[in-house]
Amino acid sequence: MPENSIPVEYRIKDEVFIPFIRMKLGDISCLKSVCVGTKNTSDLAVKGLRHYFGSRNLEVHVRKSEIPLQY
């Protein structure tokens, strides 16, 4: 592996390998709001983000997209 390449990790979702790159977040204290895209698990994503920001004492408004889910 070249010295400057970023290591790729993998996770399994719905019996499929999904590649991802692990990165540290920089300073996110400037965030004011986040909009969660339309998907089946939007409610869970909103709750998870609210918990994440709350655990870091950040006041970030998290909302669901108003675009209806289409298949």
C-alpha atoms as a PDB file:
ATOM      1  CA  MET A   1       0.000   0.000   0.000  1.00  0.00           C
ATOM      2  CA  PRO A   2       1.484   3.424  -0.905  1.00  0.00           C
ATOM      3  CA  GLU A   3       2.548   5.550   2.057  1.00  0.00           C
ATOM      4  CA  ASN A   4       0.106   8.406   1.297  1.00  0.00           C
ATOM      5  CA  SER A   5      -2.966   6.261   0.619  1.00  0.00           C
ATOM      6  CA  ILE A   6      -5.927   6.277   2.975  1.00  0.00           C
ATOM      7  CA  PRO A   7      -6.860   2.872   4.444  1.00  0.00           C
ATOM      8  CA  VAL A   8     -10.304   1.700   3.407  1.00  0.00           C
ATOM      9  CA  GLU A   9     -12.426  -0.181   5.941  1.00  0.00           C
ATOM     10  CA  TYR A  10     -15.558  -2.234   5.300  1.00  0.00           C
ATOM     11  CA  ARG A  11     -18.866  -2.829   7.004  1.00  0.00           C
ATOM     12  CA  ILE A  12     -21.712  -5.142   6.100  1.00  0.00           C
ATOM     13  CA  LYS A  13     -25.219  -3.837   5.454  1.00  0.00           C
ATOM     14  CA  ASP A  14     -27.979  -5.947   3.948  1.00  0.00           C
ATOM     15  CA  GLU A  15     -25.452  -8.693   3.160  1.00  0.00           C
ATOM     16  CA  VAL A  16     -23.294  -6.298   1.098  1.00  0.00           C
ATOM     17  CA  PHE A  17     -19.776  -5.064   1.871  1.00  0.00           C
ATOM     18  CA  ILE A  18     -19.761  -1.252   2.088  1.00  0.00           C
ATOM     19  CA  PRO A  19     -16.343   0.447   1.899  1.00  0.00           C
ATOM     20  CA  PHE A  20     -15.723   3.528   4.052  1.00  0.00           C
ATOM     21  CA  ILE A  21     -12.887   5.759   5.184  1.00  0.00           C
ATOM     22  CA  ARG A  22     -12.593   6.490   8.892  1.00  0.00           C
ATOM     23  CA  MET A  23     -12.010  10.193   9.520  1.00  0.00           C
ATOM     24  CA  LYS A  24     -11.893  12.395  12.590  1.00  0.00           C
ATOM     25  CA  LEU A  25     -14.326  15.289  12.648  1.00  0.00           C
ATOM     26  CA  GLY A  26     -12.830  18.722  12.942  1.00  0.00           C
ATOM     27  CA  ASP A  27     -14.458  21.555  14.845  1.00  0.00           C
ATOM     28  CA  ILE A  28     -18.220  21.246  14.300  1.00  0.00           C
ATOM     29  CA  SER A  29     -19.232  23.927  16.796  1.00  0.00           C
ATOM     30  CA  CYS A  30     -20.119  26.233  13.881  1.00  0.00           C
ATOM     31  CA  LEU A  31     -23.012  23.957  12.797  1.00  0.00           C
ATOM     32  CA  LYS A  32     -26.423  25.568  13.232  1.00  0.00           C
ATOM     33  CA  SER A  33     -28.690  22.967  11.602  1.00  0.00           C
ATOM     34  CA  VAL A  34     -28.722  19.595   9.836  1.00  0.00           C
ATOM     35  CA  CYS A  35     -31.355  18.273   7.450  1.00  0.00           C
ATOM     36  CA  VAL A  36     -31.696  14.465   7.278  1.00  0.00           C
ATOM     37  CA  GLY A  37     -32.491  13.193   3.800  1.00  0.00           C
ATOM     38  CA  THR A  38     -35.566  11.181   2.942  1.00  0.00           C
ATOM     39  CA  LYS A  39     -35.226   7.473   3.709  1.00  0.00           C
ATOM     40  CA  ASN A  40     -37.020   4.705   5.606  1.00  0.00           C
ATOM     41  CA  THR A  41     -35.014   5.290   8.776  1.00  0.00           C
ATOM     42  CA  SER A  42     -35.156   9.111   8.864  1.00  0.00           C
ATOM     43  CA  ASP A  43     -36.741   9.156  12.333  1.00  0.00           C
ATOM     44  CA  LEU A  44     -33.941   7.028  13.743  1.00  0.00           C
ATOM     45  CA  ALA A  45     -31.296   9.161  12.020  1.00  0.00           C
ATOM     46  CA  VAL A  46     -32.807  12.343  13.512  1.00  0.00           C
ATOM     47  CA  LYS A  47     -32.855  10.841  17.014  1.00  0.00           C
ATOM     48  CA  GLY A  48     -29.284   9.614  16.633  1.00  0.00           C
ATOM     49  CA  LEU A  49     -27.993  13.008  15.474  1.00  0.00           C
ATOM     50  CA  ARG A  50     -29.848  14.826  18.258  1.00  0.00           C
ATOM     51  CA  HIS A  51     -28.289  12.482  20.789  1.00  0.00           C
ATOM     52  CA  TYR A  52     -24.840  12.894  19.231  1.00  0.00           C
ATOM     53  CA  PHE A  53     -24.966  16.697  19.292  1.00  0.00           C
ATOM     54  CA  GLY A  54     -26.497  16.753  22.779  1.00  0.00           C
ATOM     55  CA  SER A  55     -23.764  14.485  24.129  1.00  0.00           C
ATOM     56  CA  ARG A  56     -21.249  17.069  22.928  1.00  0.00           C
ATOM     57  CA  ASN A  57     -23.223  20.025  24.339  1.00  0.00           C
ATOM     58  CA  LEU A  58     -23.842  21.446  20.863  1.00  0.00           C
ATOM     59  CA  GLU A  59     -27.071  23.258  20.024  1.00  0.00           C
ATOM     60  CA  VAL A  60     -27.741  22.054  16.474  1.00  0.00           C
ATOM     61  CA  HIS A  61     -31.266  22.012  15.033  1.00  0.00           C
ATOM     62  CA  VAL A  62     -31.883  18.599  13.416  1.00  0.00           C
ATOM     63  CA  ARG A  63     -34.861  18.149  11.109  1.00  0.00           C
ATOM     64  CA  LYS A  64     -36.185  15.701   8.539  1.00  0.00           C
ATOM     65  CA  SER A  65     -36.420  16.636   4.891  1.00  0.00           C
ATOM     66  CA  GLU A  66     -39.946  17.500   3.766  1.00  0.00           C
ATOM     67  CA  ILE A  67     -39.448  15.759   0.424  1.00  0.00           C
ATOM     68  CA  PRO A  68     -41.689  12.647   0.367  1.00  0.00           C
ATOM     69  CA  LEU A  69     -40.111   9.197   0.176  1.00  0.00           C
ATOM     70  CA  GLN A  70     -40.461   7.684  -3.312  1.00  0.00           C
ATOM     71  CA  TYR A  71     -39.699   4.156  -4.461  1.00  0.00           C
END
